[in-house]
N, C-alpha and C. Protein backbone atom coordinates (compact mmCIF):
# COMPACT_ATOMS: atom_id res chain seq x y z
N MET A 1 -11.71 -9.47 13.82
CA MET A 1 -11.10 -8.15 13.70
C MET A 1 -9.77 -8.52 13.29
N VAL A 2 -9.08 -7.96 12.30
CA VAL A 2 -7.36 -8.10 11.58
C VAL A 2 -6.70 -6.98 12.63
N TYR A 3 -5.73 -7.77 12.32
CA TYR A 3 -4.03 -7.28 13.64
C TYR A 3 -3.64 -6.64 12.44
N TYR A 4 -3.46 -5.21 12.67
CA TYR A 4 -2.52 -4.35 12.26
C TYR A 4 -1.11 -4.22 13.19
N PRO A 5 -0.23 -4.20 12.44
CA PRO A 5 1.36 -4.46 13.48
C PRO A 5 1.10 -2.71 13.38
N LYS A 6 2.19 -2.16 14.47
CA LYS A 6 2.06 -0.79 14.78
C LYS A 6 3.04 0.17 14.11
N SER A 7 3.96 -0.99 13.43
CA SER A 7 4.87 -0.12 12.38
C SER A 7 3.76 0.16 10.73
N GLN A 8 2.53 -1.01 10.46
CA GLN A 8 1.97 -0.24 9.23
C GLN A 8 0.85 0.37 9.35
N ILE A 9 0.86 1.44 10.64
CA ILE A 9 -0.21 2.22 10.92
C ILE A 9 -0.10 3.32 11.31
N LYS A 10 -0.62 4.48 11.25
CA LYS A 10 -0.62 6.09 11.81
C LYS A 10 -1.99 6.03 12.54
N THR A 11 -1.83 6.21 14.02
CA THR A 11 -3.21 6.90 14.68
C THR A 11 -3.38 8.20 15.01
N ASN A 12 -4.10 8.07 15.52
CA ASN A 12 -4.86 9.81 16.41
C ASN A 12 -4.57 10.37 15.23
N LEU A 13 -4.69 10.96 13.95
CA LEU A 13 -4.56 11.66 13.49
C LEU A 13 -6.61 12.31 13.06
N TYR A 14 -6.17 13.74 12.31
CA TYR A 14 -7.65 14.07 12.53
C TYR A 14 -7.64 15.14 11.44
N THR A 15 -8.95 14.99 10.90
CA THR A 15 -9.27 15.44 9.71
C THR A 15 -10.28 16.56 10.67
N PRO A 16 -10.51 17.82 9.65
CA PRO A 16 -11.10 18.98 10.23
C PRO A 16 -12.68 19.06 8.81
N GLY A 17 -12.35 18.39 8.32
CA GLY A 17 -13.54 17.55 6.94
C GLY A 17 -13.10 18.51 5.74
N ASP A 18 -13.66 18.26 4.38
CA ASP A 18 -13.03 18.27 3.59
C ASP A 18 -12.00 17.67 3.07
N GLN A 19 -12.06 16.42 3.54
CA GLN A 19 -10.51 15.55 2.81
C GLN A 19 -11.22 14.03 2.80
N LEU A 20 -11.69 13.65 3.68
CA LEU A 20 -12.15 12.07 4.20
C LEU A 20 -13.75 11.94 4.37
N ARG A 21 -14.44 10.69 3.38
CA ARG A 21 -15.70 11.10 3.71
C ARG A 21 -15.71 9.24 4.04
N VAL A 22 -16.89 8.84 4.80
CA VAL A 22 -17.21 7.47 4.82
C VAL A 22 -17.59 6.47 3.44
N LYS A 23 -16.88 5.75 3.39
CA LYS A 23 -17.18 4.62 2.53
C LYS A 23 -17.62 4.47 1.52
N SER A 24 -18.80 4.01 2.81
CA SER A 24 -20.34 3.08 2.38
C SER A 24 -21.05 4.32 2.13
N THR A 25 -21.58 5.91 2.87
CA THR A 25 -22.67 6.41 2.98
C THR A 25 -21.97 7.54 1.95
N LYS A 26 -20.75 8.18 1.93
CA LYS A 26 -19.96 9.48 1.06
C LYS A 26 -20.38 10.36 1.14
N LYS A 27 -20.68 10.29 3.39
CA LYS A 27 -20.67 11.50 3.73
C LYS A 27 -19.30 11.72 4.53
N GLU A 28 -19.18 13.09 4.58
CA GLU A 28 -18.25 14.18 4.93
C GLU A 28 -18.07 13.53 6.09
N TYR A 29 -16.56 13.02 6.37
CA TYR A 29 -16.47 12.93 8.08
C TYR A 29 -14.93 13.70 8.27
N ILE A 30 -15.43 13.98 9.78
CA ILE A 30 -14.89 15.06 10.70
C ILE A 30 -14.06 14.58 11.99
N GLY A 31 -13.53 14.62 12.48
CA GLY A 31 -12.88 13.61 13.27
C GLY A 31 -11.50 12.91 13.16
N TYR A 32 -11.47 12.20 14.28
CA TYR A 32 -10.57 11.35 14.37
C TYR A 32 -10.15 9.89 13.39
N TYR A 33 -9.01 10.13 13.12
CA TYR A 33 -8.93 8.97 12.15
C TYR A 33 -7.58 8.13 12.19
N TRP A 34 -7.21 6.74 11.48
CA TRP A 34 -6.06 6.05 11.56
C TRP A 34 -6.19 5.59 10.08
N LYS A 35 -4.75 5.35 9.59
CA LYS A 35 -4.61 5.03 8.64
C LYS A 35 -3.50 4.40 8.25
N THR A 36 -3.80 2.83 7.43
CA THR A 36 -2.68 1.48 7.41
C THR A 36 -1.66 2.20 6.22
N SER A 37 -0.33 1.07 5.83
CA SER A 37 0.40 1.37 4.78
C SER A 37 -0.13 1.14 3.51
N ARG A 38 -1.04 0.65 3.84
CA ARG A 38 -1.68 0.36 2.43
C ARG A 38 -2.62 1.38 1.59
N GLY A 39 -2.57 2.48 2.39
CA GLY A 39 -3.23 3.68 2.43
C GLY A 39 -4.95 3.60 2.29
N GLU A 40 -5.35 2.53 3.11
CA GLU A 40 -6.41 2.56 3.95
C GLU A 40 -6.86 3.57 4.96
N TYR A 41 -8.30 4.46 5.19
CA TYR A 41 -8.56 5.32 6.00
C TYR A 41 -9.20 4.64 6.77
N PHE A 42 -9.52 4.85 8.62
CA PHE A 42 -10.18 4.37 9.00
C PHE A 42 -11.01 5.14 10.33
N THR A 43 -12.23 5.64 10.82
CA THR A 43 -13.00 6.00 12.00
C THR A 43 -12.16 6.28 13.21
N GLY A 44 -11.92 6.23 13.80
CA GLY A 44 -11.26 6.32 15.41
C GLY A 44 -9.89 6.80 15.76
N HIS A 45 -9.51 6.73 17.10
CA HIS A 45 -7.84 7.19 17.00
C HIS A 45 -7.15 6.07 16.89
N SER A 46 -7.55 5.07 16.84
CA SER A 46 -6.93 3.59 16.20
C SER A 46 -8.00 2.01 16.13
N PRO A 47 -6.92 1.01 15.90
CA PRO A 47 -7.93 0.11 15.73
C PRO A 47 -8.20 -0.44 16.93
N LYS A 48 -8.54 0.22 17.68
CA LYS A 48 -8.83 -0.52 19.26
C LYS A 48 -10.22 -0.07 19.10
N ASN A 49 -10.44 1.04 18.66
CA ASN A 49 -11.70 1.94 18.46
C ASN A 49 -12.83 0.97 17.67
N LEU A 50 -13.32 0.35 18.57
CA LEU A 50 -14.62 -0.66 17.81
C LEU A 50 -16.05 -0.02 17.89
N PRO A 51 -16.88 0.30 17.06
CA PRO A 51 -16.51 -0.34 15.21
C PRO A 51 -16.05 0.56 14.52
N PHE A 52 -14.76 0.23 13.96
CA PHE A 52 -14.94 1.55 13.01
C PHE A 52 -14.96 1.58 11.55
N LEU A 53 -15.28 2.68 10.39
CA LEU A 53 -15.53 2.44 9.27
C LEU A 53 -14.82 3.11 8.56
N GLU A 54 -14.74 2.47 7.28
CA GLU A 54 -13.55 2.63 6.16
C GLU A 54 -13.98 3.82 5.83
N LEU A 55 -12.97 4.88 5.59
CA LEU A 55 -13.28 6.06 4.86
C LEU A 55 -12.45 6.40 3.70
N GLU A 56 -12.75 7.47 2.70
CA GLU A 56 -11.97 7.33 0.98
C GLU A 56 -11.55 8.83 1.34
N ILE A 57 -10.78 9.11 0.42
CA ILE A 57 -10.22 10.50 0.09
C ILE A 57 -11.22 10.66 -0.31
N ILE A 58 -11.69 12.58 -0.10
CA ILE A 58 -13.29 13.10 -1.02
C ILE A 58 -12.34 13.22 -2.41
N PRO A 59 -12.50 12.81 -3.73
CA PRO A 59 -11.84 13.11 -5.03
C PRO A 59 -11.92 14.83 -4.92
N VAL A 60 -10.74 15.12 -5.87
CA VAL A 60 -10.94 16.76 -6.69
C VAL A 60 -11.54 16.49 -7.58
N LEU A 61 -12.71 17.12 -8.10
CA LEU A 61 -13.34 17.36 -8.98
C LEU A 61 -12.49 18.52 -10.39
N PRO A 62 -12.45 18.06 -10.94
CA PRO A 62 -11.78 18.84 -12.18
C PRO A 62 -12.04 20.12 -12.32
N THR A 63 -12.03 21.67 -12.76
CA THR A 63 -12.00 22.29 -12.81
C THR A 63 -12.37 22.86 -14.44
N SER A 64 -13.15 23.85 -15.01
CA SER A 64 -13.43 23.85 -16.28
C SER A 64 -12.36 24.44 -16.95
N SER A 65 -11.31 25.06 -16.46
CA SER A 65 -10.18 25.02 -16.93
C SER A 65 -8.85 24.29 -16.81
N SER A 66 -8.15 23.87 -18.15
CA SER A 66 -7.16 22.47 -17.60
C SER A 66 -6.20 22.98 -17.47
N ASN A 67 -5.99 23.82 -17.29
CA ASN A 67 -4.41 24.59 -16.40
C ASN A 67 -4.43 25.25 -15.21
N VAL A 68 -5.33 24.75 -14.50
CA VAL A 68 -5.63 24.99 -13.50
C VAL A 68 -5.41 23.92 -12.60
N ILE A 69 -4.20 23.70 -11.55
CA ILE A 69 -3.58 22.72 -10.90
C ILE A 69 -4.15 23.80 -9.42
N THR A 70 -4.41 22.39 -9.36
CA THR A 70 -5.63 22.02 -7.64
C THR A 70 -4.38 21.56 -6.65
N ILE A 71 -4.17 22.46 -5.70
CA ILE A 71 -3.22 21.82 -4.28
C ILE A 71 -4.30 21.51 -3.22
N ALA A 72 -4.42 20.17 -2.74
CA ALA A 72 -4.66 19.92 -2.00
C ALA A 72 -4.93 21.04 -0.21
N LYS A 73 -5.55 21.51 0.33
CA LYS A 73 -5.87 22.13 1.15
C LYS A 73 -4.69 21.98 2.57
N GLY A 74 -4.05 22.60 3.32
CA GLY A 74 -2.97 22.49 3.79
C GLY A 74 -1.48 22.24 3.56
N ASN A 75 -1.55 21.53 2.07
CA ASN A 75 -0.07 21.63 1.60
C ASN A 75 0.69 23.31 1.48
N ASP A 76 -0.03 24.35 0.76
CA ASP A 76 0.86 25.22 0.63
C ASP A 76 0.97 26.08 2.12
N VAL A 77 0.50 25.52 3.55
CA VAL A 77 1.04 25.92 4.50
C VAL A 77 1.93 24.45 4.33
N TYR A 78 2.42 23.55 4.83
CA TYR A 78 3.45 22.73 4.96
C TYR A 78 4.43 23.19 3.56
N LYS A 79 4.16 23.57 3.23
CA LYS A 79 5.82 24.13 1.71
C LYS A 79 6.24 25.03 2.57
N LYS A 80 5.39 25.96 2.86
CA LYS A 80 6.11 27.51 3.61
C LYS A 80 6.91 26.90 5.09
N LEU A 81 6.15 26.01 6.06
CA LEU A 81 6.82 25.95 7.38
C LEU A 81 8.05 25.33 6.48
N LYS A 82 8.14 24.70 5.84
CA LYS A 82 9.08 23.79 5.77
C LYS A 82 10.11 23.95 4.76
N ASN A 83 9.59 25.36 3.75
CA ASN A 83 10.71 25.47 2.63
C ASN A 83 10.68 24.51 1.86
N ILE A 84 10.02 23.86 1.33
CA ILE A 84 10.07 23.18 0.41
C ILE A 84 9.26 23.17 -1.23
N ASP A 85 10.11 22.72 -1.97
CA ASP A 85 9.80 23.29 -3.16
C ASP A 85 8.70 21.92 -3.88
N ILE A 86 7.83 22.25 -3.57
CA ILE A 86 6.68 20.43 -3.91
C ILE A 86 6.96 19.87 -5.17
N SER A 87 7.46 21.04 -6.08
CA SER A 87 7.14 20.75 -7.84
C SER A 87 8.96 19.57 -7.68
N LYS A 88 9.79 19.62 -6.72
CA LYS A 88 10.82 18.92 -6.84
C LYS A 88 10.33 17.86 -5.63
N THR A 89 9.71 17.51 -5.87
CA THR A 89 9.64 16.36 -4.52
C THR A 89 9.45 14.78 -5.64
N LEU A 90 10.17 13.79 -4.97
CA LEU A 90 10.17 12.80 -5.32
C LEU A 90 9.10 11.93 -5.44
N LEU A 91 8.77 10.67 -6.27
CA LEU A 91 7.58 9.82 -6.12
C LEU A 91 7.87 9.15 -5.50
N VAL A 92 7.41 8.65 -4.67
CA VAL A 92 7.26 7.12 -3.46
C VAL A 92 6.93 6.02 -4.02
N PRO A 93 6.91 4.91 -4.12
CA PRO A 93 5.66 3.92 -4.41
C PRO A 93 4.50 3.64 -3.67
N THR A 94 3.89 3.93 -4.18
CA THR A 94 2.40 3.14 -3.91
C THR A 94 1.95 2.26 -3.94
N TYR A 95 0.78 1.69 -2.90
CA TYR A 95 0.48 0.33 -2.90
C TYR A 95 -0.85 -0.34 -4.17
N GLN A 96 -0.97 -1.23 -4.55
CA GLN A 96 -1.31 -1.58 -5.82
C GLN A 96 -1.57 -3.12 -5.54
N LYS A 97 -3.15 -3.64 -5.09
CA LYS A 97 -2.95 -4.55 -5.20
C LYS A 97 -3.16 -5.40 -6.51
N PRO A 98 -2.65 -6.47 -6.07
CA PRO A 98 -2.29 -7.32 -7.32
C PRO A 98 -3.44 -8.12 -7.68
N SER A 99 -3.50 -8.20 -9.42
CA SER A 99 -5.06 -9.41 -9.76
C SER A 99 -4.77 -10.21 -10.62
N PRO A 100 -3.97 -11.10 -10.12
CA PRO A 100 -3.53 -11.91 -11.31
C PRO A 100 -5.01 -12.38 -12.13
N THR A 101 -4.21 -12.75 -13.47
CA THR A 101 -4.74 -13.14 -14.66
C THR A 101 -5.63 -14.28 -14.70
N LYS A 102 -6.79 -14.40 -15.73
CA LYS A 102 -7.52 -16.03 -16.05
C LYS A 102 -5.35 -16.37 -16.57
N GLU A 103 -4.70 -16.02 -16.91
CA GLU A 103 -3.54 -16.50 -17.95
C GLU A 103 -2.56 -16.99 -16.44
N ASP A 104 -2.47 -15.97 -15.71
CA ASP A 104 -1.96 -16.26 -14.68
C ASP A 104 -2.19 -17.59 -13.93
N TYR A 105 -3.70 -17.94 -13.56
CA TYR A 105 -4.20 -19.22 -13.15
C TYR A 105 -3.88 -20.14 -13.85
N ASN A 106 -3.71 -20.33 -15.58
CA ASN A 106 -3.71 -21.24 -16.40
C ASN A 106 -1.94 -21.63 -16.14
N ASN A 107 -1.19 -20.63 -15.70
CA ASN A 107 0.31 -20.69 -15.69
C ASN A 107 0.24 -21.54 -14.31
N GLY A 108 -0.84 -21.38 -13.40
CA GLY A 108 -0.70 -21.63 -12.35
C GLY A 108 -0.13 -20.83 -10.64
N SER A 109 0.76 -19.48 -11.20
CA SER A 109 1.51 -18.26 -10.50
C SER A 109 1.62 -17.59 -11.52
N PHE A 110 2.34 -16.01 -10.33
CA PHE A 110 1.98 -15.13 -11.24
C PHE A 110 3.31 -14.07 -10.21
N THR A 111 3.56 -13.23 -11.06
CA THR A 111 4.65 -12.35 -9.62
C THR A 111 4.31 -11.20 -9.33
N ARG A 112 4.48 -11.11 -7.77
CA ARG A 112 4.04 -9.46 -6.82
C ARG A 112 4.79 -8.83 -7.14
N PHE A 113 5.46 -7.80 -6.73
CA PHE A 113 5.91 -6.53 -6.92
C PHE A 113 6.31 -6.14 -5.37
N PHE A 114 7.28 -5.93 -4.85
CA PHE A 114 7.24 -4.96 -3.41
C PHE A 114 8.22 -4.57 -3.32
N ALA A 115 8.36 -2.96 -2.35
CA ALA A 115 9.75 -2.26 -2.20
C ALA A 115 9.27 -1.97 -0.68
N LYS A 116 10.35 -1.94 -0.04
CA LYS A 116 10.54 -2.02 1.54
C LYS A 116 11.58 -0.87 1.61
N LYS A 117 11.30 -0.28 2.72
CA LYS A 117 11.83 1.69 3.14
C LYS A 117 13.05 0.97 3.67
N ASN A 118 14.11 1.52 3.15
CA ASN A 118 15.62 1.06 3.79
C ASN A 118 15.93 1.36 5.36
N ASN A 119 15.27 2.45 5.57
CA ASN A 119 15.19 2.42 7.00
C ASN A 119 14.65 2.54 7.86
N GLN A 120 13.56 1.72 7.51
CA GLN A 120 12.21 0.74 8.05
C GLN A 120 11.67 -0.23 7.66
N ASN A 121 10.77 -0.97 8.60
CA ASN A 121 10.43 -2.59 8.21
C ASN A 121 8.76 -1.81 7.66
N LEU A 122 8.87 -1.55 6.23
CA LEU A 122 7.66 -1.12 5.93
C LEU A 122 8.14 -1.29 4.89
N TYR A 123 7.07 -1.98 3.76
CA TYR A 123 6.45 -2.48 2.96
C TYR A 123 5.51 -2.60 2.30
N ILE A 124 5.59 -2.22 1.29
CA ILE A 124 4.59 -1.47 -0.32
C ILE A 124 4.36 -2.47 -1.08
N GLU A 125 3.15 -3.08 -1.43
CA GLU A 125 3.11 -4.42 -2.88
C GLU A 125 2.84 -3.47 -3.50
N THR A 126 3.41 -2.88 -5.11
CA THR A 126 3.44 -2.32 -6.07
C THR A 126 3.18 -2.83 -6.98
N SER A 127 2.77 -1.95 -8.39
CA SER A 127 2.62 -2.33 -9.75
C SER A 127 4.19 -2.74 -10.37
N LEU A 128 4.01 -3.58 -11.49
CA LEU A 128 4.83 -3.83 -12.08
C LEU A 128 5.68 -2.42 -12.76
N ASN A 129 4.88 -1.48 -12.77
CA ASN A 129 5.56 -0.14 -13.82
C ASN A 129 5.57 0.52 -12.45
N THR A 130 5.49 0.36 -11.42
CA THR A 130 6.11 1.30 -10.69
C THR A 130 7.63 0.49 -9.90
N TYR A 131 7.48 -0.51 -10.20
CA TYR A 131 8.75 -1.81 -10.06
C TYR A 131 9.37 -1.56 -10.58
N LYS A 132 9.20 -1.46 -12.18
CA LYS A 132 10.69 -1.03 -13.31
C LYS A 132 11.00 0.23 -13.17
N LYS A 133 10.63 1.58 -12.66
CA LYS A 133 10.89 2.97 -12.72
C LYS A 133 11.74 2.90 -11.54
N LEU A 134 11.23 2.03 -10.24
CA LEU A 134 12.81 2.24 -9.19
C LEU A 134 13.78 0.96 -10.33
N ASN A 135 13.80 -0.10 -10.05
CA ASN A 135 13.90 -0.84 -10.64
C ASN A 135 15.86 -0.01 -12.47
N GLN A 136 15.10 1.08 -12.57
CA GLN A 136 16.01 1.60 -14.30
C GLN A 136 16.30 2.78 -13.17
N LYS A 137 16.53 3.35 -12.01
CA LYS A 137 16.12 4.67 -11.18
C LYS A 137 15.81 5.40 -11.41
N ASN A 138 14.67 5.89 -11.98
CA ASN A 138 14.18 6.71 -12.76
C ASN A 138 14.44 7.86 -11.73
N VAL A 139 14.37 9.14 -12.30
CA VAL A 139 15.20 10.33 -10.89
C VAL A 139 13.73 11.21 -10.94
N ASP A 140 11.92 10.94 -10.87
CA ASP A 140 10.79 11.06 -10.35
C ASP A 140 10.82 10.05 -9.35
N TYR A 141 11.54 8.88 -8.88
CA TYR A 141 11.23 8.50 -8.08
C TYR A 141 12.25 8.58 -6.86
N ASP A 142 11.88 8.65 -5.46
CA ASP A 142 12.74 7.98 -4.50
C ASP A 142 13.22 6.69 -4.42
N TYR A 143 14.11 6.63 -5.62
CA TYR A 143 14.58 5.18 -5.43
C TYR A 143 15.93 4.70 -4.84
N LYS A 144 16.96 5.57 -4.56
CA LYS A 144 17.84 5.50 -3.38
C LYS A 144 16.95 4.87 -2.07
N SER A 145 16.19 4.96 -1.53
CA SER A 145 15.31 5.05 0.03
C SER A 145 14.65 3.74 -0.33
N TYR A 146 14.63 2.83 -1.60
CA TYR A 146 14.20 1.59 -1.07
C TYR A 146 14.78 0.38 -2.02
N LEU A 147 14.19 -0.91 -1.14
CA LEU A 147 14.73 -1.75 -1.56
C LEU A 147 13.73 -2.58 -2.61
N ILE A 148 13.90 -3.17 -3.86
CA ILE A 148 12.34 -3.35 -4.35
C ILE A 148 13.03 -4.93 -4.58
N PHE A 149 11.85 -5.77 -4.93
CA PHE A 149 12.17 -7.20 -4.93
C PHE A 149 10.54 -8.20 -5.47
N THR A 150 11.04 -9.23 -6.00
CA THR A 150 9.64 -9.35 -6.54
C THR A 150 9.45 -10.56 -5.76
N LEU A 151 8.56 -11.75 -5.68
CA LEU A 151 8.06 -13.10 -5.35
C LEU A 151 7.36 -13.73 -6.40
N ILE A 152 7.82 -14.69 -6.88
CA ILE A 152 6.56 -15.65 -7.28
C ILE A 152 5.70 -16.27 -6.22
N TRP A 153 4.37 -16.27 -6.60
CA TRP A 153 3.55 -16.39 -5.59
C TRP A 153 2.35 -17.89 -6.55
N ILE A 154 2.57 -18.65 -6.05
CA ILE A 154 1.51 -20.11 -6.70
C ILE A 154 0.18 -19.44 -6.07
N LEU A 155 -0.95 -20.12 -6.84
CA LEU A 155 -2.37 -19.57 -7.34
C LEU A 155 -3.24 -20.76 -7.63
N THR A 156 -2.27 -22.32 -7.64
CA THR A 156 -3.52 -23.37 -7.95
C THR A 156 -3.01 -24.33 -7.38
N GLY A 157 -3.25 -25.76 -7.28
CA GLY A 157 -2.71 -26.56 -6.95
C GLY A 157 -3.12 -27.62 -5.63
N ASN A 158 -2.17 -28.19 -4.84
CA ASN A 158 -2.79 -28.99 -3.67
C ASN A 158 -2.39 -27.95 -2.66
N PRO A 159 -4.03 -27.05 -1.63
CA PRO A 159 -3.78 -25.85 -0.65
C PRO A 159 -2.54 -26.50 0.07
N ASP A 160 -2.34 -27.24 0.65
CA ASP A 160 -1.75 -26.97 1.85
C ASP A 160 0.23 -27.17 1.31
N GLN A 161 0.14 -27.75 -0.68
CA GLN A 161 1.75 -28.06 -0.91
C GLN A 161 1.89 -26.05 -1.37
N THR A 162 0.72 -25.70 -1.90
CA THR A 162 0.74 -23.99 -1.62
C THR A 162 1.30 -23.26 -0.54
N THR A 163 0.50 -23.43 0.33
CA THR A 163 0.43 -22.68 1.59
C THR A 163 2.34 -23.22 1.83
N GLN A 164 2.37 -23.95 1.89
CA GLN A 164 3.77 -24.49 2.43
C GLN A 164 5.45 -23.70 1.19
N THR A 165 4.50 -23.95 -0.55
CA THR A 165 5.46 -22.31 -1.26
C THR A 165 5.94 -21.55 -1.17
N ASN A 166 4.55 -21.12 -0.52
CA ASN A 166 4.42 -19.62 -0.91
C ASN A 166 5.19 -19.06 0.28
N TYR A 167 4.58 -20.17 1.65
CA TYR A 167 5.75 -19.89 3.26
C TYR A 167 7.05 -19.50 2.78
N ASN A 168 7.27 -20.43 2.25
CA ASN A 168 8.73 -20.89 1.63
C ASN A 168 9.67 -19.74 0.92
N SER A 169 8.69 -19.21 -0.11
CA SER A 169 9.01 -18.47 -0.89
C SER A 169 9.49 -16.95 -0.09
N VAL A 170 8.93 -16.56 0.80
CA VAL A 170 8.66 -15.66 1.27
C VAL A 170 9.51 -15.73 2.67
N LEU A 171 9.80 -17.02 3.22
CA LEU A 171 11.34 -17.25 4.40
C LEU A 171 12.58 -17.09 3.98
N LEU A 172 12.16 -17.68 2.27
CA LEU A 172 13.75 -17.48 1.29
C LEU A 172 14.39 -15.94 1.07
N THR A 173 12.79 -15.61 0.54
CA THR A 173 13.65 -14.37 0.38
C THR A 173 13.70 -13.21 1.65
N GLU A 174 13.33 -13.35 2.68
CA GLU A 174 13.64 -12.62 4.04
C GLU A 174 15.23 -13.15 4.42
N GLN A 175 15.50 -14.47 3.70
CA GLN A 175 16.90 -14.61 4.41
C GLN A 175 17.60 -13.75 3.21
N ARG A 176 17.43 -14.28 2.26
CA ARG A 176 18.16 -14.20 0.88
C ARG A 176 19.01 -12.31 0.98
N LEU A 177 17.27 -11.45 1.32
CA LEU A 177 17.87 -9.85 1.14
C LEU A 177 18.15 -9.56 2.83
N LYS A 178 18.36 -10.57 3.34
CA LYS A 178 18.37 -9.97 5.28
C LYS A 178 17.11 -8.95 5.85
N ILE A 179 16.08 -9.40 5.92
CA ILE A 179 15.04 -8.64 5.97
C ILE A 179 14.09 -9.71 6.66
N ASN A 180 12.89 -8.81 7.77
CA ASN A 180 12.42 -9.36 8.21
C ASN A 180 10.57 -8.72 8.48
N SER A 181 9.78 -9.50 8.65
CA SER A 181 8.52 -9.22 8.80
C SER A 181 7.75 -9.23 7.50
N LEU A 182 8.51 -9.85 6.50
CA LEU A 182 7.60 -9.75 5.25
C LEU A 182 5.95 -10.91 5.24
N GLY A 183 6.25 -11.96 5.73
CA GLY A 183 4.86 -12.79 5.90
C GLY A 183 4.07 -12.12 7.18
N LYS A 184 4.46 -11.13 7.80
CA LYS A 184 3.24 -10.03 8.78
C LYS A 184 2.69 -9.36 7.88
N TYR A 185 3.48 -8.74 6.74
CA TYR A 185 3.16 -7.91 5.67
C TYR A 185 1.98 -8.27 5.16
N LEU A 186 2.39 -9.65 4.86
CA LEU A 186 1.13 -10.30 4.21
C LEU A 186 0.28 -10.59 4.73
N ASN A 187 0.11 -10.75 6.16
CA ASN A 187 -1.00 -11.16 7.17
C ASN A 187 -0.99 -12.89 7.15
N ASN A 188 0.37 -13.27 6.82
CA ASN A 188 0.80 -14.85 6.86
C ASN A 188 -0.81 -15.62 6.32
N ASN A 189 -0.98 -15.02 5.26
CA ASN A 189 -1.94 -15.61 4.18
C ASN A 189 -1.54 -15.99 2.90
N TYR A 190 -0.85 -17.84 3.20
CA TYR A 190 -0.17 -18.08 2.08
C TYR A 190 -1.05 -18.22 0.99
N LEU A 191 -2.51 -18.31 1.19
CA LEU A 191 -3.46 -18.98 0.12
C LEU A 191 -4.35 -17.87 -0.34
N GLU A 192 -3.36 -16.33 -0.09
CA GLU A 192 -4.36 -15.16 -1.00
C GLU A 192 -3.79 -15.24 -2.35
N PHE A 193 -5.16 -15.23 -3.10
CA PHE A 193 -5.45 -15.11 -4.45
C PHE A 193 -5.58 -16.55 -5.01
N TYR A 194 -5.70 -17.84 -3.98
CA TYR A 194 -5.79 -19.27 -4.40
C TYR A 194 -7.14 -19.60 -5.30
N LYS A 195 -6.81 -20.34 -5.95
CA LYS A 195 -7.95 -20.93 -6.46
C LYS A 195 -8.23 -22.36 -7.01
N GLN A 196 -9.07 -23.04 -6.19
CA GLN A 196 -9.04 -24.35 -6.10
C GLN A 196 -8.91 -24.98 -7.56
N GLU A 197 -8.28 -25.71 -8.22
CA GLU A 197 -8.61 -26.54 -9.88
C GLU A 197 -9.61 -27.45 -9.79
N PHE A 198 -10.86 -28.01 -10.73
CA PHE A 198 -11.58 -28.26 -10.63
C PHE A 198 -11.25 -29.61 -11.47
């Protein structure tokens, strides 16, 4: 069973339907669910409810008219209650699982991009594109709320040395930026994406 820190999950959420479906069967899901900071959804109240199934958001199919904007059910109620103009809402970084290329493996390393919420111990791994937009203070993004940074991640070589090097990289980044729990966010998996050289 995978461990999820409390800071990385939201529990006891409920869907009345038309929002989520079971990923393996594509069957609509109604009931309690929980989600991770990586944008993953699972059945049950929390990770303690075993077994749990992975869920996915039901995609909104485009209409025949390209001028129609579809707003998810509930957004209009929320914006009325909170008196929020969602057209002016800033974008936040979203999770992007990195995929090292063949060239990265030939080089032996690649760069990973992260954003950390300033007022929370909440990390998100993101794309180069999002990282650049936050770094350039793009007005469409909530760049003021995030600390952004990169990690050089070793992909090949001796497994023990690779583990130690990636561990040290995380530790030095935590010390340099005065942050903590980055290793936890990465599940202390310092051989992630590692490929044995032959």
